[in-house]
Amino acid sequence: MKLGTSKMNFAGIGPRLFRYMMGKKNVESLSTLIEMSLEMGIKIVACQMSMDVMGIKKEDLLDGIEVGGAATFLNDSFRSNTTLFI
């Protein structure tokens, strides 16, 4: 599955500029970063409410990504060393 970098296309310039800047800073692609994170055992949880609003289904997500709500996020936050909400 190929992930798009942004919905802000700007006639094709947006994604190219984004990839150029990431390459210039030696940052891996988004899909590579997600794959590396999952291999390292990092838990990635997609917000069920946000998915419902955007019409995203569990089948649309990459393998290994869990679905949860606010209670899941809070529970994981209390038990983890670091939590990141994007």
N, C-alpha and C. Protein backbone atom coordinates (compact mmCIF):
# COMPACT_ATOMS: atom_id res chain seq x y z
N MET A 1 0.85 -1.18 0.00
CA MET A 1 0.00 0.00 0.00
C MET A 1 0.89 1.24 0.00
N LYS A 2 0.62 2.15 -0.88
CA LYS A 2 1.39 3.38 -0.94
C LYS A 2 0.62 4.48 -0.24
N LEU A 3 1.26 5.12 0.73
CA LEU A 3 0.62 6.20 1.48
C LEU A 3 0.89 7.53 0.81
N GLY A 4 -0.12 8.34 0.68
CA GLY A 4 0.07 9.70 0.18
C GLY A 4 0.65 10.58 1.26
N THR A 5 1.42 11.56 0.87
CA THR A 5 2.04 12.42 1.87
C THR A 5 1.14 13.54 2.34
N SER A 6 0.19 13.96 1.51
CA SER A 6 -0.64 15.08 1.91
C SER A 6 -1.84 15.20 0.98
N LYS A 7 -2.91 15.78 1.47
CA LYS A 7 -4.07 16.07 0.62
C LYS A 7 -3.90 17.42 -0.08
N MET A 8 -2.90 18.20 0.33
CA MET A 8 -2.65 19.50 -0.30
C MET A 8 -1.73 19.28 -1.50
N ASN A 9 -2.32 19.08 -2.64
CA ASN A 9 -1.59 18.67 -3.83
C ASN A 9 -0.87 19.84 -4.52
N PHE A 10 -1.49 20.99 -4.61
CA PHE A 10 -0.92 22.17 -5.28
C PHE A 10 -0.40 21.83 -6.67
N ALA A 11 -1.28 21.18 -7.46
CA ALA A 11 -0.98 20.80 -8.84
C ALA A 11 0.24 19.90 -8.94
N GLY A 12 0.43 19.02 -7.95
CA GLY A 12 1.53 18.07 -7.96
C GLY A 12 2.79 18.55 -7.30
N ILE A 13 2.87 19.81 -6.97
CA ILE A 13 4.09 20.36 -6.37
C ILE A 13 4.19 19.99 -4.89
N GLY A 14 3.06 19.96 -4.17
CA GLY A 14 3.05 19.70 -2.73
C GLY A 14 3.74 18.40 -2.34
N PRO A 15 3.30 17.26 -2.87
CA PRO A 15 3.94 15.99 -2.50
C PRO A 15 5.41 15.92 -2.91
N ARG A 16 5.74 16.46 -4.09
CA ARG A 16 7.15 16.45 -4.51
C ARG A 16 8.01 17.29 -3.58
N LEU A 17 7.51 18.46 -3.20
CA LEU A 17 8.25 19.32 -2.29
C LEU A 17 8.43 18.64 -0.93
N PHE A 18 7.36 18.00 -0.45
CA PHE A 18 7.41 17.30 0.83
C PHE A 18 8.46 16.18 0.79
N ARG A 19 8.46 15.37 -0.29
CA ARG A 19 9.45 14.28 -0.40
C ARG A 19 10.86 14.84 -0.53
N TYR A 20 11.01 15.94 -1.26
CA TYR A 20 12.32 16.57 -1.41
C TYR A 20 12.86 17.02 -0.06
N MET A 21 12.01 17.69 0.73
CA MET A 21 12.46 18.19 2.03
C MET A 21 12.79 17.04 2.99
N MET A 22 12.01 15.97 2.93
CA MET A 22 12.30 14.81 3.77
C MET A 22 13.62 14.17 3.36
N GLY A 23 13.87 14.06 2.06
CA GLY A 23 15.12 13.50 1.58
C GLY A 23 16.31 14.36 1.94
N LYS A 24 16.13 15.67 1.84
CA LYS A 24 17.20 16.60 2.17
C LYS A 24 17.61 16.49 3.64
N LYS A 25 16.64 16.18 4.51
CA LYS A 25 16.90 16.05 5.95
C LYS A 25 17.18 14.59 6.35
N ASN A 26 17.34 13.71 5.33
CA ASN A 26 17.59 12.29 5.55
C ASN A 26 16.51 11.62 6.40
N VAL A 27 15.25 11.96 6.14
CA VAL A 27 14.12 11.35 6.83
C VAL A 27 13.52 10.29 5.92
N GLU A 28 13.27 9.12 6.47
CA GLU A 28 12.66 8.03 5.71
C GLU A 28 11.24 8.41 5.30
N SER A 29 10.67 7.68 4.35
CA SER A 29 9.29 7.90 3.93
C SER A 29 8.34 7.52 5.06
N LEU A 30 7.13 8.04 5.01
CA LEU A 30 6.14 7.77 6.05
C LEU A 30 5.85 6.28 6.17
N SER A 31 5.68 5.60 5.05
CA SER A 31 5.38 4.17 5.11
C SER A 31 6.55 3.38 5.70
N THR A 32 7.79 3.79 5.40
CA THR A 32 8.96 3.13 5.97
C THR A 32 9.04 3.37 7.47
N LEU A 33 8.77 4.59 7.91
CA LEU A 33 8.79 4.90 9.34
C LEU A 33 7.75 4.09 10.10
N ILE A 34 6.56 3.94 9.53
CA ILE A 34 5.50 3.15 10.18
C ILE A 34 5.92 1.69 10.26
N GLU A 35 6.44 1.14 9.16
CA GLU A 35 6.89 -0.25 9.15
C GLU A 35 7.99 -0.48 10.18
N MET A 36 8.97 0.43 10.26
CA MET A 36 10.05 0.31 11.23
C MET A 36 9.51 0.36 12.66
N SER A 37 8.55 1.23 12.90
CA SER A 37 7.96 1.37 14.23
C SER A 37 7.26 0.07 14.65
N LEU A 38 6.48 -0.50 13.74
CA LEU A 38 5.78 -1.74 14.05
C LEU A 38 6.76 -2.89 14.30
N GLU A 39 7.86 -2.94 13.53
CA GLU A 39 8.87 -3.97 13.74
C GLU A 39 9.55 -3.83 15.09
N MET A 40 9.67 -2.60 15.58
CA MET A 40 10.30 -2.35 16.89
C MET A 40 9.33 -2.60 18.05
N GLY A 41 8.08 -2.93 17.73
CA GLY A 41 7.12 -3.23 18.77
C GLY A 41 6.33 -2.04 19.27
N ILE A 42 6.39 -0.94 18.55
CA ILE A 42 5.64 0.24 18.94
C ILE A 42 4.17 0.01 18.61
N LYS A 43 3.30 0.35 19.56
CA LYS A 43 1.87 0.17 19.37
C LYS A 43 1.29 1.42 18.71
N ILE A 44 0.62 1.23 17.60
CA ILE A 44 -0.02 2.34 16.89
C ILE A 44 -1.52 2.11 16.95
N VAL A 45 -2.25 3.10 17.48
CA VAL A 45 -3.70 2.99 17.62
C VAL A 45 -4.35 4.12 16.82
N ALA A 46 -5.27 3.74 15.93
CA ALA A 46 -6.03 4.71 15.16
C ALA A 46 -7.31 5.04 15.93
N CYS A 47 -7.70 6.30 15.94
CA CYS A 47 -8.89 6.74 16.65
C CYS A 47 -10.15 6.34 15.90
N GLN A 48 -11.00 5.56 16.59
CA GLN A 48 -12.23 5.06 15.98
C GLN A 48 -13.16 6.20 15.57
N MET A 49 -13.30 7.21 16.41
CA MET A 49 -14.21 8.33 16.11
C MET A 49 -13.73 9.09 14.87
N SER A 50 -12.43 9.36 14.79
CA SER A 50 -11.89 10.06 13.63
C SER A 50 -12.07 9.23 12.36
N MET A 51 -11.87 7.92 12.48
CA MET A 51 -12.06 7.04 11.33
C MET A 51 -13.51 7.07 10.86
N ASP A 52 -14.44 7.06 11.81
CA ASP A 52 -15.87 7.12 11.44
C ASP A 52 -16.20 8.41 10.71
N VAL A 53 -15.68 9.53 11.21
CA VAL A 53 -15.94 10.84 10.59
C VAL A 53 -15.39 10.89 9.17
N MET A 54 -14.19 10.31 8.97
CA MET A 54 -13.54 10.37 7.66
C MET A 54 -13.93 9.22 6.75
N GLY A 55 -14.74 8.27 7.26
CA GLY A 55 -15.16 7.15 6.42
C GLY A 55 -14.07 6.11 6.20
N ILE A 56 -13.14 6.01 7.13
CA ILE A 56 -12.05 5.03 7.02
C ILE A 56 -12.46 3.77 7.75
N LYS A 57 -12.22 2.63 7.13
CA LYS A 57 -12.54 1.34 7.73
C LYS A 57 -11.25 0.65 8.20
N LYS A 58 -11.37 -0.28 9.12
CA LYS A 58 -10.21 -1.02 9.64
C LYS A 58 -9.42 -1.66 8.50
N GLU A 59 -10.12 -2.12 7.47
CA GLU A 59 -9.47 -2.77 6.33
C GLU A 59 -8.57 -1.79 5.55
N ASP A 60 -8.82 -0.48 5.70
CA ASP A 60 -8.02 0.53 5.00
C ASP A 60 -6.67 0.77 5.68
N LEU A 61 -6.53 0.34 6.92
CA LEU A 61 -5.31 0.58 7.67
C LEU A 61 -4.25 -0.47 7.34
N LEU A 62 -3.00 -0.13 7.62
CA LEU A 62 -1.91 -1.08 7.45
C LEU A 62 -2.05 -2.18 8.50
N ASP A 63 -1.55 -3.36 8.18
CA ASP A 63 -1.57 -4.46 9.15
C ASP A 63 -0.76 -4.06 10.39
N GLY A 64 -1.26 -4.42 11.55
CA GLY A 64 -0.55 -4.13 12.80
C GLY A 64 -1.03 -2.87 13.50
N ILE A 65 -1.86 -2.08 12.83
CA ILE A 65 -2.39 -0.87 13.46
C ILE A 65 -3.72 -1.23 14.12
N GLU A 66 -3.83 -0.89 15.41
CA GLU A 66 -5.04 -1.20 16.17
C GLU A 66 -6.01 -0.03 16.10
N VAL A 67 -7.26 -0.31 16.43
CA VAL A 67 -8.29 0.73 16.48
C VAL A 67 -8.76 0.84 17.93
N GLY A 68 -8.89 2.08 18.41
CA GLY A 68 -9.34 2.31 19.77
C GLY A 68 -9.93 3.69 19.92
N GLY A 69 -10.44 3.95 21.09
CA GLY A 69 -11.04 5.24 21.37
C GLY A 69 -10.28 5.98 22.44
N ALA A 70 -10.93 6.98 23.02
CA ALA A 70 -10.29 7.81 24.04
C ALA A 70 -9.88 6.99 25.26
N ALA A 71 -10.71 6.05 25.67
CA ALA A 71 -10.39 5.24 26.85
C ALA A 71 -9.14 4.40 26.60
N THR A 72 -9.01 3.85 25.39
CA THR A 72 -7.82 3.08 25.04
C THR A 72 -6.58 3.96 25.10
N PHE A 73 -6.68 5.17 24.55
CA PHE A 73 -5.56 6.10 24.55
C PHE A 73 -5.15 6.46 25.99
N LEU A 74 -6.13 6.77 26.82
CA LEU A 74 -5.82 7.13 28.21
C LEU A 74 -5.20 5.97 28.96
N ASN A 75 -5.74 4.78 28.79
CA ASN A 75 -5.20 3.60 29.45
C ASN A 75 -3.75 3.36 29.01
N ASP A 76 -3.50 3.41 27.72
CA ASP A 76 -2.14 3.21 27.21
C ASP A 76 -1.20 4.32 27.69
N SER A 77 -1.71 5.53 27.82
CA SER A 77 -0.89 6.66 28.28
C SER A 77 -0.40 6.44 29.71
N PHE A 78 -1.29 5.93 30.55
CA PHE A 78 -0.92 5.70 31.94
C PHE A 78 0.11 4.58 32.07
N ARG A 79 0.07 3.59 31.17
CA ARG A 79 0.95 2.45 31.27
C ARG A 79 2.25 2.59 30.47
N SER A 80 2.36 3.60 29.63
CA SER A 80 3.53 3.70 28.76
C SER A 80 4.52 4.76 29.25
N ASN A 81 5.69 4.69 28.70
CA ASN A 81 6.74 5.65 29.00
C ASN A 81 6.55 6.92 28.19
N THR A 82 6.12 6.76 26.94
CA THR A 82 5.92 7.89 26.04
C THR A 82 4.65 7.66 25.23
N THR A 83 3.85 8.71 25.08
CA THR A 83 2.64 8.64 24.27
C THR A 83 2.63 9.83 23.34
N LEU A 84 2.29 9.59 22.09
CA LEU A 84 2.24 10.64 21.09
C LEU A 84 0.87 10.63 20.44
N PHE A 85 0.20 11.76 20.43
CA PHE A 85 -1.11 11.87 19.81
C PHE A 85 -0.98 12.77 18.59
N ILE A 86 -1.33 12.24 17.42
CA ILE A 86 -1.23 13.02 16.18
C ILE A 86 -2.61 13.13 15.58
